[in-house]
Protein backbone atom coordinates (compact mmCIF):
# COMPACT_ATOMS: atom_id res chain seq x y z
CA MET A 1 119.64 -93.24 -70.62
CA ASP A 2 119.35 -94.87 -73.77
CA ARG A 3 120.90 -97.68 -75.69
CA ASP A 4 124.02 -96.26 -76.48
CA ARG A 5 124.71 -95.12 -73.40
CA PHE A 6 124.02 -98.13 -71.67
CA GLU A 7 126.48 -99.88 -74.03
CA ASN A 8 129.13 -98.05 -73.73
CA LEU A 9 129.27 -97.83 -69.57
CA ALA A 10 129.04 -101.15 -70.12
CA ALA A 11 132.17 -101.57 -72.32
CA ALA A 12 134.10 -99.08 -70.40
CA TYR A 13 133.40 -100.31 -66.85
CA GLY A 14 131.85 -103.64 -67.30
CA GLY A 15 129.12 -105.84 -66.34
CA ASP A 16 129.01 -104.68 -62.57
CA PRO A 17 126.58 -101.59 -62.39
CA ARG A 18 128.04 -101.18 -59.38
CA ARG A 19 131.61 -99.93 -60.68
CA TRP A 20 130.02 -97.31 -63.16
CA PRO A 21 130.24 -93.85 -61.83
CA ALA A 22 127.58 -93.03 -59.24
CA ALA A 23 125.97 -90.50 -61.15
CA GLU A 24 124.64 -93.09 -63.76
CA ARG A 25 124.28 -96.09 -61.67
CA ASP A 26 120.14 -95.40 -61.19
CA ALA A 27 119.78 -94.34 -65.04
CA ALA A 28 121.34 -97.58 -65.91
CA ARG A 29 118.94 -99.54 -63.17
CA ALA A 30 116.32 -97.94 -64.40
CA PHE A 31 116.92 -98.62 -68.15
CA LEU A 32 117.65 -102.45 -67.21
CA ASP A 33 114.47 -102.88 -65.93
CA ALA A 34 112.75 -101.19 -68.93
CA ASP A 35 114.56 -102.72 -71.64
CA PRO A 36 115.13 -106.82 -71.56
CA GLU A 37 118.21 -105.89 -74.42
CA ALA A 38 119.44 -104.39 -71.58
CA GLU A 39 120.74 -107.43 -69.77
CA ARG A 40 121.92 -109.51 -72.73
CA LEU A 41 124.66 -106.20 -72.96
CA LEU A 42 125.48 -106.67 -69.61
CA PHE A 43 126.05 -110.57 -69.81
CA GLU A 44 128.14 -109.71 -72.38
CA ALA A 45 130.11 -107.30 -70.59
CA ARG A 46 130.25 -110.07 -67.60
CA GLN A 47 131.83 -112.34 -69.93
CA LEU A 48 134.87 -109.73 -71.21
CA ASP A 49 135.31 -109.33 -67.33
CA ALA A 50 136.04 -112.79 -66.45
CA ALA A 51 137.98 -113.07 -69.71
CA LEU A 52 140.10 -110.82 -68.52
CA ASP A 53 140.47 -111.48 -65.24
CA ALA A 54 141.34 -115.37 -66.44
CA SER A 55 144.19 -113.85 -67.88
CA PRO A 56 147.94 -113.94 -66.40
CA GLN A 57 148.60 -110.57 -65.21
CA PRO A 58 151.78 -109.47 -67.10
CA ARG A 59 155.07 -109.78 -65.04
CA VAL A 60 157.62 -107.39 -64.97
CA SER A 61 161.68 -109.08 -64.42
CA ARG A 62 163.25 -106.35 -62.19
CA ALA A 63 166.41 -106.73 -64.95
CA LEU A 64 164.06 -105.31 -67.78
CA ARG A 65 162.93 -103.05 -65.39
CA ASP A 66 166.49 -101.53 -64.16
CA ALA A 67 167.67 -101.88 -68.19
CA ILE A 68 164.21 -99.87 -69.34
CA LEU A 69 164.75 -97.13 -66.61
CA ALA A 70 168.73 -96.75 -67.48
CA ALA A 71 168.08 -96.53 -70.87
CA ALA A 72 165.68 -93.43 -70.29
CA PRO A 73 167.21 -89.85 -70.54
CA GLN A 74 168.54 -88.21 -67.94
CA PRO A 75 168.76 -84.83 -67.26
CA GLY A 76 171.81 -82.66 -68.44
CA PRO A 77 173.23 -79.76 -66.28
CA GLU A 78 171.47 -77.35 -68.02
CA ALA A 79 167.97 -78.62 -66.82
CA LYS A 80 169.16 -77.96 -63.40
CA THR A 81 169.91 -74.01 -63.84
CA GLY A 82 167.38 -73.51 -66.87
CA GLY A 83 170.56 -73.10 -69.72
CA PHE A 84 172.72 -71.00 -71.00
CA PHE A 85 170.33 -68.43 -72.51
CA HIS A 86 167.83 -68.75 -69.34
CA ASP A 87 170.92 -67.91 -67.46
CA LEU A 88 171.76 -65.46 -69.42
CA LEU A 89 168.54 -63.42 -69.57
CA PHE A 90 167.67 -64.00 -65.71
CA GLY A 91 170.79 -64.84 -64.22
CA GLY A 92 173.12 -61.74 -62.02
CA PHE A 93 173.96 -60.29 -65.35
CA GLY A 94 170.49 -60.80 -66.50
CA ARG A 95 168.73 -59.20 -64.16
CA GLY A 96 171.30 -55.82 -65.00
CA LEU A 97 170.46 -56.05 -68.37
CA MET A 98 166.80 -56.24 -68.06
CA VAL A 99 166.87 -53.37 -64.81
CA ALA A 100 168.79 -51.70 -67.22
CA GLY A 101 166.69 -51.95 -70.41
CA LEU A 102 163.05 -51.14 -68.08
CA THR A 103 164.86 -47.77 -67.04
CA ALA A 104 165.94 -46.75 -70.80
CA ALA A 105 162.43 -47.46 -71.76
CA ALA A 106 161.00 -45.52 -68.84
CA VAL A 107 163.46 -42.61 -69.79
CA LEU A 108 162.80 -42.96 -73.20
CA GLY A 109 158.59 -42.67 -72.48
CA VAL A 110 158.99 -39.22 -70.54
CA ALA A 111 161.53 -37.73 -72.59
CA ILE A 112 158.89 -38.51 -75.61
CA GLY A 113 155.91 -37.28 -73.32
CA ALA A 114 157.61 -34.24 -72.29
CA GLY A 115 158.57 -33.19 -76.45
CA VAL A 116 155.05 -33.95 -77.21
CA THR A 117 153.40 -32.03 -74.19
CA GLN A 118 155.86 -28.95 -75.63
CA ASN A 119 155.04 -29.69 -78.80
CA VAL A 120 151.00 -29.39 -77.77
CA LEU A 121 151.64 -26.41 -75.31
CA SER A 122 153.39 -24.40 -77.97
CA GLY A 123 150.86 -25.10 -80.42
CA VAL A 124 147.93 -23.69 -78.06
CA GLN A 125 149.77 -20.57 -77.18
CA ALA A 126 150.12 -20.15 -80.79
CA GLU A 127 146.55 -20.50 -81.35
CA ALA A 128 145.87 -17.94 -78.78
CA ILE A 129 148.38 -14.97 -79.92
CA VAL A 130 146.50 -15.53 -83.73
CA ALA A 131 143.11 -14.97 -81.74
CA GLU A 132 144.14 -12.16 -80.07
CA ALA A 133 145.42 -10.47 -83.11
CA GLY A 134 142.43 -10.77 -84.73
CA GLU A 135 140.56 -8.75 -82.12
CA PRO A 136 140.35 -5.44 -82.19
CA VAL A 137 142.62 -3.67 -80.11
CA LEU A 138 141.46 -0.39 -77.86
CA ASP A 139 144.28 2.05 -78.21
CA GLU A 140 144.73 4.28 -74.77
CA LEU A 141 143.70 7.44 -76.93
CA GLU A 142 140.52 6.14 -77.83
CA ILE A 143 139.79 5.03 -73.99
CA LEU A 144 141.19 8.67 -72.17
CA GLY A 145 139.50 10.56 -75.41
């Protein structure tokens, strides 16, 4: 642990190392034993702790608390259901539209896939026909004599 880390811990957690994070305590004690300046930092942190402890605790009256709560925004009816657009998309009618849209997309995908497949197969068949046409064809008369 270095001086900056020790000072940050004292500023954040106060002058009592028992209040510091458990993972930091052993290193803080070792630093405190090794560096005489560390004791001064703890002393200053303890003075601040004492001043904070001596200051009066703020008290909020019930009237102020009730006024603040009354002034806070209240959720409207759309907050409970998700609002008009949420209901339109995800409500009963919206679900029907979503199902219809997904069905249409699936049918369109199948139709496009079938069309592409047909074009590819037609091209393969045409290539096969052209390839066969280029080969010499044996005539029955040549074979039989």
